[in-house]
Protein backbone atom coordinates (compact mmCIF):
# COMPACT_ATOMS: atom_id res chain seq x y z
CA HIS A 1 -2.18 -3.64 -5.97
CA SER A 2 -5.35 -2.00 -6.36
CA TYR A 3 -8.30 -2.81 -4.22
CA GLY A 4 -5.59 -4.78 -2.10
CA GLY A 5 -3.36 -1.70 -1.50
CA TRP A 6 -6.57 -0.30 0.66
CA VAL A 7 -6.56 -3.70 2.60
CA THR A 8 -2.41 -2.94 2.73
CA LEU A 9 -3.34 0.56 3.96
CA HIS A 10 -5.60 -0.61 6.63
CA ALA A 11 -3.24 -3.45 7.93
CA ALA A 12 -0.63 -0.85 8.36
CA LYS A 13 -2.63 1.37 10.32
CA ALA A 14 -4.05 -1.38 12.58
CA TYR A 15 -0.88 -3.55 12.48
CA GLY A 16 2.23 -1.33 11.30
CA ASP A 17 3.94 -1.33 14.71
CA GLU A 18 4.61 -5.13 13.69
CA LEU A 19 5.61 -4.18 9.87
CA GLY A 20 8.75 -2.67 8.66
CA GLY A 21 6.96 -0.94 6.14
CA VAL A 22 4.07 -1.60 3.01
CA VAL A 23 3.81 -0.81 -0.48
CA THR A 24 1.13 0.13 -2.36
CA VAL A 25 1.00 -0.28 -6.49
CA ASP A 26 -1.70 1.63 -8.16
CA SER A 27 -3.95 2.40 -5.27
CA ALA A 28 -5.46 5.38 -5.78
CA VAL A 29 -6.44 7.26 -2.32
CA LEU A 30 -9.34 9.58 -3.56
CA PRO A 31 -9.19 12.98 -2.57
CA PRO A 32 -12.86 14.22 -0.55
CA GLU A 33 -13.92 16.06 -3.97
CA LEU A 34 -13.36 13.30 -6.14
CA LEU A 35 -15.41 10.35 -4.18
CA PRO A 36 -18.86 9.42 -4.94
CA ASP A 37 -21.54 10.72 -3.40
CA LYS A 38 -23.08 7.12 -2.25
CA PRO A 39 -21.26 4.54 -0.51
CA TRP A 40 -19.72 2.04 -2.83
CA GLN A 41 -21.62 -1.12 -3.37
CA PRO A 42 -20.30 -4.14 -5.30
CA PRO A 43 -21.53 -5.04 -8.73
CA PRO A 44 -24.13 -8.23 -8.41
CA ARG A 45 -21.84 -11.42 -9.19
CA LYS A 46 -21.94 -12.85 -12.86
CA ALA A 47 -23.21 -16.19 -13.36
CA GLY A 48 -20.38 -18.95 -13.35
CA ALA A 49 -19.87 -20.83 -16.63
CA PRO A 50 -20.25 -24.60 -17.26
CA SER A 51 -16.43 -25.30 -18.21
CA ALA A 52 -13.45 -23.46 -17.30
CA GLU A 53 -12.81 -22.87 -21.16
CA ALA A 54 -16.51 -20.99 -21.25
CA LEU A 55 -15.36 -18.88 -18.36
CA LEU A 56 -11.88 -18.03 -19.28
CA ALA A 57 -13.37 -16.55 -22.63
CA ARG A 58 -14.65 -14.18 -20.91
CA PHE A 59 -11.46 -12.82 -18.85
CA LYS A 60 -9.97 -9.89 -19.46
CA LEU A 61 -7.97 -7.17 -17.34
CA MET A 62 -10.18 -4.33 -15.10
CA PRO A 63 -10.14 -1.85 -16.08
CA GLU A 64 -9.08 -2.82 -19.42
CA GLN A 65 -5.64 -1.76 -20.91
CA PRO A 66 -3.35 -2.73 -23.93
CA VAL A 67 -1.55 -5.86 -23.32
CA GLU A 68 1.85 -6.42 -24.83
CA ASN A 69 2.75 -9.30 -23.01
CA GLY A 70 -0.20 -11.83 -23.48
CA TYR A 71 1.50 -14.57 -22.13
CA LEU A 72 0.99 -12.91 -18.69
CA VAL A 73 -2.90 -12.95 -19.17
CA ASP A 74 -2.89 -16.45 -20.27
CA TYR A 75 -0.95 -17.49 -17.16
CA ILE A 76 -3.22 -15.24 -14.73
CA GLY A 77 -6.50 -16.44 -16.28
CA PRO A 78 -6.58 -20.39 -15.27
CA GLN A 79 -5.20 -18.71 -11.59
CA SER A 80 -8.23 -16.70 -11.28
CA ILE A 81 -11.25 -19.49 -11.40
CA ARG A 82 -12.50 -22.08 -8.93
CA LYS A 83 -15.47 -24.77 -9.13
CA GLU A 84 -18.45 -23.87 -7.11
CA GLY A 85 -21.57 -25.73 -6.95
CA GLY A 86 -21.05 -27.71 -10.65
CA LEU A 87 -19.64 -23.97 -12.15
CA TYR A 88 -16.70 -22.39 -12.87
CA VAL A 89 -16.38 -19.10 -11.15
CA TRP A 90 -13.96 -16.28 -10.55
CA LYS A 91 -12.05 -16.29 -7.48
CA ASP A 92 -12.45 -12.61 -6.88
CA ASP A 93 -15.00 -11.56 -4.23
CA LEU A 94 -16.19 -8.09 -4.88
CA GLN A 95 -18.45 -8.50 -1.91
CA ARG A 96 -15.13 -8.58 0.85
CA PHE A 97 -15.55 -5.29 1.88
CA MET A 98 -18.89 -5.75 2.92
CA LYS A 99 -17.76 -8.44 4.70
CA ALA A 100 -15.39 -7.08 7.16
CA GLU A 101 -16.02 -6.93 10.79
CA PRO A 102 -16.47 -4.23 12.31
CA HIS A 103 -17.93 -2.70 8.63
CA THR A 104 -15.83 -0.16 7.29
CA ASN A 105 -17.33 2.77 5.44
CA PHE A 106 -14.79 3.09 2.68
CA ARG A 107 -16.34 6.11 1.31
CA ASP A 108 -15.86 7.99 4.41
CA ASP A 109 -12.63 6.83 5.39
CA MET A 110 -10.96 6.53 1.61
CA SER A 111 -9.74 10.16 1.87
CA LYS A 112 -7.76 9.58 5.05
CA MET A 113 -6.52 6.39 4.30
CA LEU A 114 -2.80 7.38 4.17
CA ARG A 115 -3.28 9.33 7.63
CA PHE A 116 -1.40 7.79 11.22
CA LEU A 117 -0.15 4.74 9.32
CA LYS A 118 2.41 2.76 12.12
CA CYS A 119 4.79 1.65 9.34
CA ARG A 120 6.66 3.33 6.25
CA LEU A 121 5.02 3.62 3.04
CA ALA A 122 6.18 3.44 -0.61
CA ILE A 123 3.81 4.21 -3.18
CA MET A 124 4.11 3.13 -6.97
CA TYR A 125 1.45 3.99 -9.60
CA GLY A 126 1.59 3.41 -13.63
CA GLU A 127 1.63 6.90 -15.20
CA LYS A 128 -0.79 5.85 -17.66
CA SER A 129 -2.87 4.63 -14.93
CA GLU A 130 -7.02 5.89 -15.37
CA HIS A 131 -6.82 5.87 -11.59
CA PHE A 132 -4.24 8.47 -11.76
CA ALA A 133 -5.21 10.31 -14.85
CA ASP A 134 -6.80 13.14 -12.70
CA GLY A 135 -3.85 14.99 -11.13
CA ARG A 136 -5.65 15.86 -8.07
CA VAL A 137 -5.33 11.98 -6.93
CA LEU A 138 -1.60 12.31 -6.89
CA ARG A 139 -1.54 15.68 -5.38
CA HIS A 140 -3.64 14.59 -2.51
CA MET A 141 -1.76 11.43 -2.02
CA GLN A 142 1.11 13.59 -1.73
CA THR A 143 -0.26 15.94 0.59
CA GLU A 144 -1.53 13.39 2.81
CA THR A 145 1.76 11.86 3.40
CA GLN A 146 3.37 14.83 4.25
CA VAL A 147 0.55 15.98 6.81
CA SER A 148 0.78 12.76 8.39
CA PRO A 149 4.20 10.93 7.69
CA PRO A 150 3.64 6.97 7.60
CA GLY A 151 6.10 5.72 10.31
CA GLY A 152 6.97 8.94 11.22
CA GLU A 153 9.49 9.19 8.29
CA GLN A 154 9.92 12.62 6.64
CA TYR A 155 9.81 11.15 3.09
CA THR A 156 7.56 8.82 1.20
CA PRO A 157 8.57 7.47 -2.07
CA ILE A 158 5.90 8.42 -4.58
CA ILE A 159 7.43 6.46 -7.85
CA GLY A 160 5.60 6.71 -11.21
CA ILE A 161 6.34 3.95 -13.86
CA PRO A 162 6.77 5.05 -17.14
CA GLU A 163 4.95 3.90 -19.83
CA ALA A 164 2.49 1.56 -17.55
CA HIS A 165 -1.24 1.89 -16.88
CA HIS A 166 -3.10 0.28 -13.98
CA HIS A 167 -2.00 -3.50 -14.07
CA ILE A 168 1.80 -2.29 -14.09
CA MET A 169 3.19 -6.03 -13.84
CA PHE A 170 1.89 -6.51 -17.34
CA ASP A 171 3.36 -3.09 -18.71
CA GLN A 172 6.49 -3.38 -17.15
CA PRO A 173 7.31 -6.97 -16.03
CA LEU A 174 10.85 -6.42 -15.85
CA GLN A 175 10.91 -3.13 -14.18
């Protein structure tokens, strides 16, 4: 899901011959004209909090979206923190892509991430996701999977989930 889909695509390119296939969920692969001019840099890490409760008070989905199934957010929040040096911090490490060895320039590689995958691919996205709001994103992904069919397959399923935003599992947990 999301950034994890990019990691999945890199794994499919490098180790796809060992995989039956991969699925990405709301992981937009941008066309060249939508890529930022500068390489992506993670934002500075926010300070931790003295208690889990204080940190959880700041918890929200990113990007933000309406949530009808609040019990899912209530479950995910506490699973997303850890204690480090006397403070509670988020487990997410936005520096993860900068630590990759060898270093990957995601900006230069982004638009071509769907090319030359060594296994089958299925793509799911939320029809209300802000990552797919610009129709050029989905058209680019459709074109890329036709130009270089993942795993040599003639067809790559691209499935839009109705009424779902970026965090599909919060909108449509039973779909």
